Amino acid sequence: MSALRELAFDECGRHEMKTKKVEIEVYVAGIPEPTLVQAVAALPPRLKSILKLLALSQTREEIAQHLKISRKTVEYHALVLAGRLGIVASDYAAMARIAIKTGLIEP
């Protein structure tokens, strides 16, 4: 079980945080977990390293400097990753969830 916080608004426009208990889904980015693990395992080493760095919230510029490639190349690889994993290239949260689920980074 996981706690999910929900922002609720009353009739006056004030908001309050509510917490709900929800089941953790076995799907990440719409892909069943076993398929997701296989998809990440099949990635070339360069794409895995970019996924890991994006999941750690590094900017594309920082990744480019770290890997000694251009920012445009990092952006291209992010689009390729997004296509292979079924997510949006700017969705760092989904990349982090995928990297954690597949063991690329520690939670």
N, C-alpha and C. Protein backbone atom coordinates (compact mmCIF):
# COMPACT_ATOMS: atom_id res chain seq x y z
N MET A 1 0.84 -1.18 0.00
CA MET A 1 0.00 0.00 0.00
C MET A 1 0.88 1.25 0.00
N SER A 2 0.39 2.27 -0.59
CA SER A 2 1.11 3.52 -0.67
C SER A 2 0.15 4.66 -0.34
N ALA A 3 0.66 5.72 0.21
CA ALA A 3 -0.18 6.88 0.51
C ALA A 3 -0.17 7.81 -0.69
N LEU A 4 -1.32 8.26 -1.06
CA LEU A 4 -1.47 9.19 -2.17
C LEU A 4 -2.10 10.45 -1.62
N ARG A 5 -1.47 11.57 -1.87
CA ARG A 5 -2.03 12.84 -1.39
C ARG A 5 -2.81 13.48 -2.51
N GLU A 6 -3.94 13.97 -2.15
CA GLU A 6 -4.84 14.57 -3.12
C GLU A 6 -5.14 15.99 -2.66
N LEU A 7 -5.12 16.90 -3.59
CA LEU A 7 -5.43 18.30 -3.29
C LEU A 7 -6.92 18.49 -3.52
N ALA A 8 -7.64 18.83 -2.46
CA ALA A 8 -9.09 19.00 -2.55
C ALA A 8 -9.42 20.48 -2.34
N PHE A 9 -10.40 20.97 -3.09
CA PHE A 9 -10.82 22.36 -2.97
C PHE A 9 -12.24 22.40 -2.40
N ASP A 10 -12.48 23.32 -1.47
CA ASP A 10 -13.83 23.48 -0.97
C ASP A 10 -14.55 24.51 -1.83
N GLU A 11 -15.81 24.83 -1.48
CA GLU A 11 -16.60 25.74 -2.31
C GLU A 11 -16.07 27.16 -2.30
N CYS A 12 -15.24 27.53 -1.34
CA CYS A 12 -14.66 28.88 -1.28
C CYS A 12 -13.33 28.96 -2.02
N GLY A 13 -12.87 27.87 -2.59
CA GLY A 13 -11.61 27.88 -3.32
C GLY A 13 -10.40 27.57 -2.46
N ARG A 14 -10.62 27.37 -1.14
CA ARG A 14 -9.50 26.98 -0.28
C ARG A 14 -9.17 25.52 -0.55
N HIS A 15 -7.92 25.19 -0.34
CA HIS A 15 -7.55 23.80 -0.59
C HIS A 15 -6.99 23.15 0.67
N GLU A 16 -7.09 21.84 0.72
CA GLU A 16 -6.52 21.08 1.82
C GLU A 16 -5.98 19.77 1.24
N MET A 17 -5.00 19.20 1.91
CA MET A 17 -4.42 17.94 1.46
C MET A 17 -5.16 16.79 2.12
N LYS A 18 -5.55 15.82 1.33
CA LYS A 18 -6.16 14.60 1.84
C LYS A 18 -5.25 13.44 1.48
N THR A 19 -5.20 12.45 2.32
CA THR A 19 -4.37 11.28 2.06
C THR A 19 -5.25 10.07 1.86
N LYS A 20 -4.97 9.31 0.82
CA LYS A 20 -5.70 8.09 0.53
C LYS A 20 -4.71 6.94 0.49
N LYS A 21 -5.16 5.76 0.87
CA LYS A 21 -4.35 4.56 0.73
C LYS A 21 -4.71 3.93 -0.62
N VAL A 22 -3.69 3.64 -1.41
CA VAL A 22 -3.93 3.03 -2.73
C VAL A 22 -2.98 1.87 -2.93
N GLU A 23 -3.38 0.94 -3.78
CA GLU A 23 -2.51 -0.16 -4.15
C GLU A 23 -1.45 0.37 -5.13
N ILE A 24 -0.22 -0.08 -4.98
CA ILE A 24 0.82 0.28 -5.93
C ILE A 24 0.60 -0.55 -7.19
N GLU A 25 0.55 0.09 -8.33
CA GLU A 25 0.30 -0.61 -9.58
C GLU A 25 1.57 -1.29 -10.07
N VAL A 26 1.39 -2.39 -10.78
CA VAL A 26 2.54 -3.08 -11.35
C VAL A 26 2.86 -2.55 -12.74
N TYR A 27 2.13 -1.52 -13.16
CA TYR A 27 2.39 -0.91 -14.45
C TYR A 27 3.13 0.41 -14.23
N VAL A 28 4.14 0.66 -15.01
CA VAL A 28 4.82 1.95 -15.03
C VAL A 28 4.79 2.40 -16.47
N ALA A 29 4.30 3.57 -16.70
CA ALA A 29 4.21 4.13 -18.04
C ALA A 29 3.37 3.25 -18.96
N GLY A 30 2.38 2.55 -18.40
CA GLY A 30 1.50 1.73 -19.20
C GLY A 30 2.07 0.41 -19.67
N ILE A 31 3.24 0.05 -19.17
CA ILE A 31 3.89 -1.20 -19.58
C ILE A 31 3.94 -2.12 -18.37
N PRO A 32 3.53 -3.40 -18.52
CA PRO A 32 3.65 -4.32 -17.39
C PRO A 32 5.10 -4.42 -16.92
N GLU A 33 5.30 -4.56 -15.61
CA GLU A 33 6.65 -4.54 -15.05
C GLU A 33 7.61 -5.54 -15.69
N PRO A 34 7.24 -6.82 -15.91
CA PRO A 34 8.22 -7.73 -16.54
C PRO A 34 8.66 -7.26 -17.93
N THR A 35 7.74 -6.71 -18.71
CA THR A 35 8.07 -6.20 -20.04
C THR A 35 8.96 -4.97 -19.92
N LEU A 36 8.69 -4.15 -18.93
CA LEU A 36 9.49 -2.96 -18.70
C LEU A 36 10.93 -3.33 -18.36
N VAL A 37 11.12 -4.32 -17.50
CA VAL A 37 12.46 -4.77 -17.14
C VAL A 37 13.19 -5.27 -18.38
N GLN A 38 12.50 -6.02 -19.22
CA GLN A 38 13.10 -6.52 -20.46
C GLN A 38 13.45 -5.37 -21.40
N ALA A 39 12.57 -4.38 -21.48
CA ALA A 39 12.81 -3.23 -22.36
C ALA A 39 14.05 -2.46 -21.92
N VAL A 40 14.21 -2.26 -20.62
CA VAL A 40 15.39 -1.53 -20.12
C VAL A 40 16.65 -2.38 -20.29
N ALA A 41 16.52 -3.68 -20.04
CA ALA A 41 17.68 -4.58 -20.20
C ALA A 41 18.17 -4.60 -21.64
N ALA A 42 17.27 -4.41 -22.60
CA ALA A 42 17.64 -4.44 -24.02
C ALA A 42 18.23 -3.12 -24.50
N LEU A 43 18.19 -2.08 -23.67
CA LEU A 43 18.74 -0.78 -24.09
C LEU A 43 20.25 -0.86 -24.21
N PRO A 44 20.82 -0.15 -25.19
CA PRO A 44 22.28 -0.06 -25.28
C PRO A 44 22.84 0.68 -24.06
N PRO A 45 24.11 0.44 -23.72
CA PRO A 45 24.70 1.08 -22.54
C PRO A 45 24.57 2.61 -22.52
N ARG A 46 24.69 3.26 -23.66
CA ARG A 46 24.59 4.73 -23.70
C ARG A 46 23.19 5.18 -23.27
N LEU A 47 22.15 4.50 -23.78
CA LEU A 47 20.79 4.88 -23.41
C LEU A 47 20.51 4.58 -21.93
N LYS A 48 21.08 3.50 -21.42
CA LYS A 48 20.91 3.20 -19.99
C LYS A 48 21.54 4.29 -19.14
N SER A 49 22.72 4.74 -19.53
CA SER A 49 23.39 5.77 -18.74
C SER A 49 22.62 7.08 -18.80
N ILE A 50 22.05 7.41 -19.95
CA ILE A 50 21.26 8.64 -20.07
C ILE A 50 19.98 8.51 -19.27
N LEU A 51 19.34 7.34 -19.30
CA LEU A 51 18.14 7.12 -18.48
C LEU A 51 18.46 7.31 -17.00
N LYS A 52 19.57 6.75 -16.57
CA LYS A 52 19.98 6.86 -15.17
C LYS A 52 20.20 8.33 -14.79
N LEU A 53 20.91 9.07 -15.62
CA LEU A 53 21.21 10.47 -15.31
C LEU A 53 19.95 11.33 -15.36
N LEU A 54 19.05 11.07 -16.31
CA LEU A 54 17.79 11.81 -16.36
C LEU A 54 16.96 11.50 -15.13
N ALA A 55 16.96 10.24 -14.71
CA ALA A 55 16.20 9.84 -13.52
C ALA A 55 16.76 10.50 -12.26
N LEU A 56 18.03 10.83 -12.27
CA LEU A 56 18.65 11.51 -11.13
C LEU A 56 18.48 13.03 -11.23
N SER A 57 17.61 13.48 -12.14
CA SER A 57 17.25 14.89 -12.33
C SER A 57 18.38 15.77 -12.81
N GLN A 58 19.31 15.20 -13.54
CA GLN A 58 20.34 16.04 -14.14
C GLN A 58 19.77 16.68 -15.40
N THR A 59 20.18 17.90 -15.67
CA THR A 59 19.71 18.58 -16.88
C THR A 59 20.38 17.96 -18.09
N ARG A 60 19.81 18.24 -19.24
CA ARG A 60 20.39 17.72 -20.48
C ARG A 60 21.80 18.29 -20.69
N GLU A 61 21.98 19.54 -20.30
CA GLU A 61 23.31 20.17 -20.43
C GLU A 61 24.33 19.48 -19.52
N GLU A 62 23.94 19.17 -18.28
CA GLU A 62 24.84 18.47 -17.36
C GLU A 62 25.18 17.08 -17.88
N ILE A 63 24.19 16.40 -18.43
CA ILE A 63 24.43 15.06 -18.98
C ILE A 63 25.38 15.15 -20.16
N ALA A 64 25.18 16.14 -21.02
CA ALA A 64 26.05 16.32 -22.18
C ALA A 64 27.50 16.55 -21.74
N GLN A 65 27.70 17.38 -20.73
CA GLN A 65 29.06 17.62 -20.24
C GLN A 65 29.66 16.37 -19.61
N HIS A 66 28.84 15.65 -18.84
CA HIS A 66 29.32 14.44 -18.17
C HIS A 66 29.73 13.36 -19.17
N LEU A 67 28.92 13.18 -20.22
CA LEU A 67 29.20 12.14 -21.21
C LEU A 67 30.03 12.62 -22.39
N LYS A 68 30.35 13.91 -22.39
CA LYS A 68 31.14 14.52 -23.46
C LYS A 68 30.49 14.34 -24.83
N ILE A 69 29.19 14.67 -24.87
CA ILE A 69 28.42 14.67 -26.11
C ILE A 69 27.64 15.98 -26.16
N SER A 70 27.02 16.27 -27.30
CA SER A 70 26.28 17.54 -27.39
C SER A 70 24.92 17.43 -26.71
N ARG A 71 24.38 18.59 -26.36
CA ARG A 71 23.06 18.64 -25.74
C ARG A 71 22.00 18.10 -26.69
N LYS A 72 22.16 18.38 -27.99
CA LYS A 72 21.22 17.88 -29.00
C LYS A 72 21.23 16.36 -29.04
N THR A 73 22.39 15.75 -28.86
CA THR A 73 22.48 14.29 -28.84
C THR A 73 21.76 13.74 -27.63
N VAL A 74 21.90 14.40 -26.49
CA VAL A 74 21.19 13.98 -25.28
C VAL A 74 19.69 14.09 -25.52
N GLU A 75 19.24 15.18 -26.14
CA GLU A 75 17.81 15.34 -26.42
C GLU A 75 17.31 14.25 -27.36
N TYR A 76 18.11 13.90 -28.36
CA TYR A 76 17.73 12.83 -29.27
C TYR A 76 17.60 11.50 -28.51
N HIS A 77 18.59 11.20 -27.67
CA HIS A 77 18.55 9.96 -26.89
C HIS A 77 17.35 9.94 -25.94
N ALA A 78 16.99 11.09 -25.37
CA ALA A 78 15.83 11.17 -24.49
C ALA A 78 14.55 10.85 -25.27
N LEU A 79 14.46 11.33 -26.50
CA LEU A 79 13.30 11.02 -27.34
C LEU A 79 13.25 9.53 -27.70
N VAL A 80 14.41 8.94 -27.99
CA VAL A 80 14.47 7.51 -28.29
C VAL A 80 14.03 6.71 -27.07
N LEU A 81 14.54 7.09 -25.89
CA LEU A 81 14.15 6.42 -24.64
C LEU A 81 12.65 6.52 -24.42
N ALA A 82 12.12 7.71 -24.59
CA ALA A 82 10.69 7.91 -24.39
C ALA A 82 9.87 7.02 -25.31
N GLY A 83 10.29 6.93 -26.56
CA GLY A 83 9.58 6.08 -27.50
C GLY A 83 9.64 4.61 -27.13
N ARG A 84 10.80 4.15 -26.70
CA ARG A 84 10.96 2.74 -26.34
C ARG A 84 10.24 2.38 -25.05
N LEU A 85 10.12 3.34 -24.14
CA LEU A 85 9.52 3.06 -22.84
C LEU A 85 8.07 3.54 -22.75
N GLY A 86 7.58 4.19 -23.78
CA GLY A 86 6.19 4.62 -23.80
C GLY A 86 5.88 5.77 -22.86
N ILE A 87 6.82 6.72 -22.74
CA ILE A 87 6.62 7.87 -21.86
C ILE A 87 6.94 9.15 -22.63
N VAL A 88 6.70 10.28 -21.99
CA VAL A 88 7.03 11.58 -22.57
C VAL A 88 8.48 11.89 -22.22
N ALA A 89 9.23 12.44 -23.15
CA ALA A 89 10.66 12.68 -22.94
C ALA A 89 10.95 13.64 -21.79
N SER A 90 10.01 14.50 -21.45
CA SER A 90 10.23 15.46 -20.37
C SER A 90 9.69 14.96 -19.02
N ASP A 91 9.20 13.73 -18.97
CA ASP A 91 8.62 13.18 -17.74
C ASP A 91 9.71 12.53 -16.89
N TYR A 92 10.40 13.37 -16.12
CA TYR A 92 11.50 12.88 -15.28
C TYR A 92 11.00 11.93 -14.20
N ALA A 93 9.79 12.16 -13.70
CA ALA A 93 9.24 11.29 -12.66
C ALA A 93 9.04 9.87 -13.18
N ALA A 94 8.52 9.75 -14.39
CA ALA A 94 8.35 8.41 -14.98
C ALA A 94 9.70 7.74 -15.20
N MET A 95 10.68 8.52 -15.64
CA MET A 95 12.02 7.96 -15.84
C MET A 95 12.60 7.49 -14.51
N ALA A 96 12.37 8.27 -13.47
CA ALA A 96 12.88 7.87 -12.15
C ALA A 96 12.20 6.59 -11.68
N ARG A 97 10.87 6.49 -11.85
CA ARG A 97 10.16 5.27 -11.45
C ARG A 97 10.68 4.06 -12.22
N ILE A 98 10.90 4.23 -13.50
CA ILE A 98 11.40 3.13 -14.33
C ILE A 98 12.80 2.74 -13.89
N ALA A 99 13.66 3.72 -13.65
CA ALA A 99 15.04 3.44 -13.24
C ALA A 99 15.07 2.73 -11.88
N ILE A 100 14.19 3.10 -10.98
CA ILE A 100 14.12 2.44 -9.67
C ILE A 100 13.60 1.01 -9.82
N LYS A 101 12.49 0.86 -10.56
CA LYS A 101 11.88 -0.46 -10.74
C LYS A 101 12.84 -1.45 -11.39
N THR A 102 13.68 -0.97 -12.27
CA THR A 102 14.58 -1.85 -13.01
C THR A 102 15.97 -1.95 -12.38
N GLY A 103 16.19 -1.25 -11.26
CA GLY A 103 17.44 -1.37 -10.53
C GLY A 103 18.58 -0.49 -11.02
N LEU A 104 18.30 0.46 -11.90
CA LEU A 104 19.37 1.35 -12.37
C LEU A 104 19.81 2.33 -11.29
N ILE A 105 18.85 2.77 -10.46
CA ILE A 105 19.18 3.66 -9.34
C ILE A 105 18.50 3.15 -8.08
N GLU A 106 19.01 3.57 -6.96
CA GLU A 106 18.45 3.22 -5.66
C GLU A 106 17.35 4.22 -5.30
N PRO A 107 16.27 3.78 -4.65
CA PRO A 107 15.21 4.72 -4.28
C PRO A 107 15.66 5.71 -3.22
